[in-house]
Amino acid sequence: MKHVLYLTLLVFFAVSCNTSQKQNEAKMQAADSVAVTATDSADNDRQYLVKVGDVAPDFEMSFPDGKKIKLSELRGKVVMLQFTASWCGVCRKEMPHIESDIWQKHKDNPQFALYGVDRDEPTEKIKELRDATGVTYPIGFDPEGNIFGLYAEKDAGITRNVIINRDGKIVMLTRLYEEEEFNRMVQLINQLLNS
C-alpha cells in the first residue's frame, strides 16, 4: 500500500513539475515576444528599415582620399556606422563624443572599424564638418542618401549609429544624441571588442 501511495505521489509531483516548467517556458516565450515587439516598435518609431538581429545591408562607400570600403569585407570586425551631415546640429554635438569615447580608444585595434557616412554632400562639406567637430575618424560619401536608405527611411532624421558585430549582424541602433543611450553604446562596443 505504501508503494502505491509513493508511486501516486511521485506521478503527481512529476506532472506538477512538468506543467510548471511548461507554464514558465510559455511565460518566457511571451516575454521574449514582448521584448522583440517593443524593440521593433522602437525601431519603427525611429524610422529604421532594419532591426537588431538583422544582417547589416551591404554597401560600398568612397572617401575623399579616393579609398573605398565594402561593408561585407569587414566581417570579423566590430563596426560602427555613424550617419551624419554638415547641416545636422545634433551630429555636431555627438561627434566629439564619438571621437573621444570611442575612436581614440579603439582606433589602433585592428578588430574595430568606425566610419562616418555623410549624407549627400561633397568633399568640402565633409572637410567643413570634420574641422568644426574636430573628428579624425574616416567619413565617406553617401551620394543621394542611398546607403542611408538601406538602413532607414530616406526622409528620416539623420543622427544615427549602427553597431555591427563580428558576424555582420546589427546589435544596436541609436537615434539622436542621448547621453544614457550613448553610454550604453560605448559599453557595448567595449564588450564586443573584449569577447
Protein backbone atom coordinates (compact mmCIF):
# COMPACT_ATOMS: atom_id res chain seq x y z
CA MET A 1 0.00 0.00 0.00
CA LYS A 2 2.87 2.37 0.85
CA HIS A 3 4.39 1.65 -2.56
CA VAL A 4 1.16 2.63 -4.30
CA LEU A 5 0.95 5.81 -2.22
CA TYR A 6 4.60 6.72 -3.02
CA LEU A 7 4.08 5.92 -6.68
CA THR A 8 0.95 8.11 -6.77
CA LEU A 9 2.79 10.99 -5.09
CA LEU A 10 5.74 10.59 -7.45
CA VAL A 11 3.49 10.71 -10.52
CA PHE A 12 1.61 13.72 -9.13
CA PHE A 13 4.91 15.55 -8.42
CA ALA A 14 6.29 14.77 -11.90
CA VAL A 15 3.11 16.01 -13.61
CA SER A 16 3.09 19.18 -11.47
CA CYS A 17 6.75 19.94 -12.25
CA ASN A 18 6.23 19.32 -15.96
CA THR A 19 3.17 21.60 -16.00
CA SER A 20 5.05 24.33 -14.10
CA GLN A 21 8.01 24.03 -16.45
CA LYS A 22 5.73 24.35 -19.49
CA GLN A 23 3.99 27.36 -17.95
CA ASN A 24 7.35 29.00 -17.21
CA GLU A 25 8.56 28.32 -20.76
CA ALA A 26 5.34 29.83 -22.14
CA LYS A 27 5.81 32.91 -19.92
CA MET A 28 9.41 33.29 -21.07
CA GLN A 29 8.42 32.98 -24.73
CA ALA A 30 5.71 35.59 -24.19
CA ALA A 31 8.23 37.91 -22.51
CA ASP A 32 10.69 37.44 -25.38
CA SER A 33 7.91 38.19 -27.84
CA VAL A 34 7.01 41.39 -25.99
CA ALA A 35 10.68 42.43 -25.88
CA VAL A 36 11.06 41.84 -29.62
CA THR A 37 7.83 43.71 -30.32
CA ALA A 38 8.96 46.62 -28.14
CA THR A 39 12.31 46.73 -29.94
CA ASP A 40 10.63 46.52 -33.33
CA SER A 41 8.20 49.23 -32.31
CA ALA A 42 11.01 51.49 -31.08
CA ASP A 43 12.95 50.94 -34.29
CA ASN A 44 9.81 51.64 -36.36
CA ASP A 45 9.20 54.83 -34.37
CA ARG A 46 12.75 55.81 -35.25
CA GLN A 47 12.02 55.08 -38.92
CA TYR A 48 14.61 52.32 -39.25
CA LEU A 49 14.16 49.76 -42.02
CA VAL A 50 16.46 47.31 -40.22
CA LYS A 51 16.30 45.89 -36.72
CA VAL A 52 18.62 44.38 -34.13
CA GLY A 53 19.49 40.84 -35.23
CA ASP A 54 19.38 41.60 -38.96
CA VAL A 55 22.46 41.15 -41.11
CA ALA A 56 23.62 44.68 -41.90
CA PRO A 57 22.83 45.60 -45.53
CA ASP A 58 25.99 45.59 -47.62
CA PHE A 59 27.29 48.65 -49.46
CA GLU A 60 30.44 50.13 -50.91
CA MET A 61 31.50 53.62 -49.85
CA SER A 62 34.14 56.02 -51.22
CA PHE A 63 36.15 58.55 -49.23
CA PRO A 64 37.54 61.99 -50.11
CA ASP A 65 41.05 60.49 -50.43
CA GLY A 66 39.82 58.02 -53.09
CA LYS A 67 39.81 54.93 -50.89
CA LYS A 68 36.81 52.60 -50.83
CA ILE A 69 35.43 50.10 -48.35
CA LYS A 70 32.82 47.39 -48.70
CA LEU A 71 30.94 46.57 -45.51
CA SER A 72 30.90 42.80 -46.13
CA GLU A 73 34.71 42.83 -46.32
CA LEU A 74 34.80 43.99 -42.68
CA ARG A 75 33.35 40.71 -41.34
CA GLY A 76 35.28 39.60 -38.29
CA LYS A 77 35.46 43.19 -37.00
CA VAL A 78 33.18 45.19 -34.74
CA VAL A 79 31.86 48.01 -36.95
CA MET A 80 30.24 51.33 -36.07
CA LEU A 81 28.46 53.33 -38.76
CA GLN A 82 27.68 56.94 -37.88
CA PHE A 83 25.21 58.58 -40.27
CA THR A 84 25.85 62.30 -40.38
CA ALA A 85 25.77 65.56 -42.40
CA SER A 86 27.32 69.02 -42.03
CA TRP A 87 23.91 70.67 -41.56
CA CYS A 88 22.96 68.36 -38.66
CA GLY A 89 23.29 70.16 -35.31
CA VAL A 90 22.80 67.01 -33.20
CA CYS A 91 25.51 65.26 -35.26
CA ARG A 92 27.90 68.09 -34.46
CA LYS A 93 27.08 67.70 -30.76
CA GLU A 94 27.59 63.92 -30.76
CA MET A 95 30.66 63.60 -32.99
CA PRO A 96 33.24 64.94 -30.48
CA HIS A 97 31.98 62.29 -28.00
CA ILE A 98 32.36 59.58 -30.64
CA GLU A 99 35.90 60.86 -31.27
CA SER A 100 36.98 60.89 -27.60
CA ASP A 101 34.99 58.00 -26.11
CA ILE A 102 35.16 55.52 -29.00
CA TRP A 103 37.58 56.40 -31.80
CA GLN A 104 40.56 57.49 -29.69
CA LYS A 105 40.20 54.38 -27.51
CA HIS A 106 39.87 51.84 -30.32
CA LYS A 107 41.38 53.34 -33.50
CA ASP A 108 44.52 51.20 -33.20
CA ASN A 109 42.54 48.00 -32.62
CA PRO A 110 42.56 46.01 -35.89
CA GLN A 111 39.30 44.34 -34.77
CA PHE A 112 37.39 47.66 -34.85
CA ALA A 113 36.18 49.91 -37.67
CA LEU A 114 34.34 53.23 -37.40
CA TYR A 115 33.04 55.09 -40.42
CA GLY A 116 31.05 58.26 -40.71
CA VAL A 117 28.57 58.13 -43.58
CA ASP A 118 27.92 61.69 -44.82
CA ARG A 119 24.56 62.01 -46.47
CA ASP A 120 24.60 63.51 -49.95
CA GLU A 121 27.36 66.11 -49.55
CA PRO A 122 30.57 66.93 -51.48
CA THR A 123 34.16 66.73 -50.21
CA GLU A 124 34.28 70.34 -48.99
CA LYS A 125 31.25 69.80 -46.74
CA ILE A 126 32.85 66.69 -45.20
CA LYS A 127 36.03 68.69 -44.57
CA GLU A 128 33.96 71.51 -43.04
CA LEU A 129 32.22 69.02 -40.74
CA ARG A 130 35.48 67.38 -39.64
CA ASP A 131 37.05 70.78 -38.94
CA ALA A 132 34.02 72.01 -36.99
CA THR A 133 33.79 68.88 -34.81
CA GLY A 134 37.48 68.02 -34.50
CA VAL A 135 36.94 64.39 -35.51
CA THR A 136 39.69 62.32 -37.11
CA TYR A 137 37.79 59.13 -37.94
CA PRO A 138 37.10 58.49 -41.64
CA ILE A 139 33.93 59.95 -43.16
CA GLY A 140 32.75 58.71 -46.54
CA PHE A 141 30.31 59.81 -49.22
CA ASP A 142 26.68 58.72 -49.38
CA PRO A 143 25.50 60.16 -52.71
CA GLU A 144 21.74 60.71 -52.80
CA GLY A 145 21.47 59.03 -49.38
CA ASN A 146 21.49 55.57 -50.93
CA ILE A 147 23.45 53.94 -48.10
CA PHE A 148 21.26 55.67 -45.53
CA GLY A 149 18.22 54.38 -47.46
CA LEU A 150 19.32 50.78 -46.82
CA TYR A 151 19.04 51.35 -43.07
CA ALA A 152 16.29 53.94 -42.55
CA GLU A 153 13.50 55.67 -44.43
CA LYS A 154 15.08 58.18 -46.79
CA ASP A 155 13.14 61.14 -45.34
CA ALA A 156 14.00 60.18 -41.73
CA GLY A 157 16.27 62.21 -39.47
CA ILE A 158 19.95 61.58 -39.87
CA THR A 159 21.65 61.40 -36.48
CA ARG A 160 22.02 57.61 -36.20
CA ASN A 161 24.57 54.99 -35.20
CA VAL A 162 24.53 51.33 -36.20
CA ILE A 163 26.69 48.85 -34.28
CA ILE A 164 27.51 45.63 -36.12
CA ASN A 165 29.09 42.54 -34.53
CA ARG A 166 31.85 40.34 -35.96
CA ASP A 167 29.25 38.16 -37.71
CA GLY A 168 27.87 41.16 -39.61
CA LYS A 169 24.68 41.38 -37.54
CA ILE A 170 23.22 44.60 -36.17
CA VAL A 171 23.41 44.64 -32.37
CA MET A 172 22.39 48.25 -31.63
CA LEU A 173 20.62 51.13 -33.36
CA THR A 174 20.64 54.66 -31.94
CA ARG A 175 18.81 57.84 -32.86
CA LEU A 176 19.67 61.41 -31.83
CA TYR A 177 22.18 62.01 -29.05
CA GLU A 178 21.02 60.88 -25.63
CA GLU A 179 23.77 60.51 -23.04
CA GLU A 180 22.37 57.34 -21.48
CA GLU A 181 21.93 55.58 -24.83
CA PHE A 182 25.35 56.79 -25.97
CA ASN A 183 26.97 55.36 -22.81
CA ARG A 184 25.23 52.01 -23.42
CA MET A 185 26.63 52.04 -26.94
CA VAL A 186 30.17 52.72 -25.64
CA GLN A 187 29.85 49.84 -23.16
CA LEU A 188 28.52 47.51 -25.85
CA ILE A 189 31.44 48.28 -28.17
CA ASN A 190 33.88 47.65 -25.31
CA GLN A 191 32.19 44.31 -24.53
CA LEU A 192 32.17 43.21 -28.17
CA LEU A 193 35.87 44.00 -28.53
CA ASN A 194 36.74 42.15 -25.32
CA SER A 195 34.84 38.98 -26.21
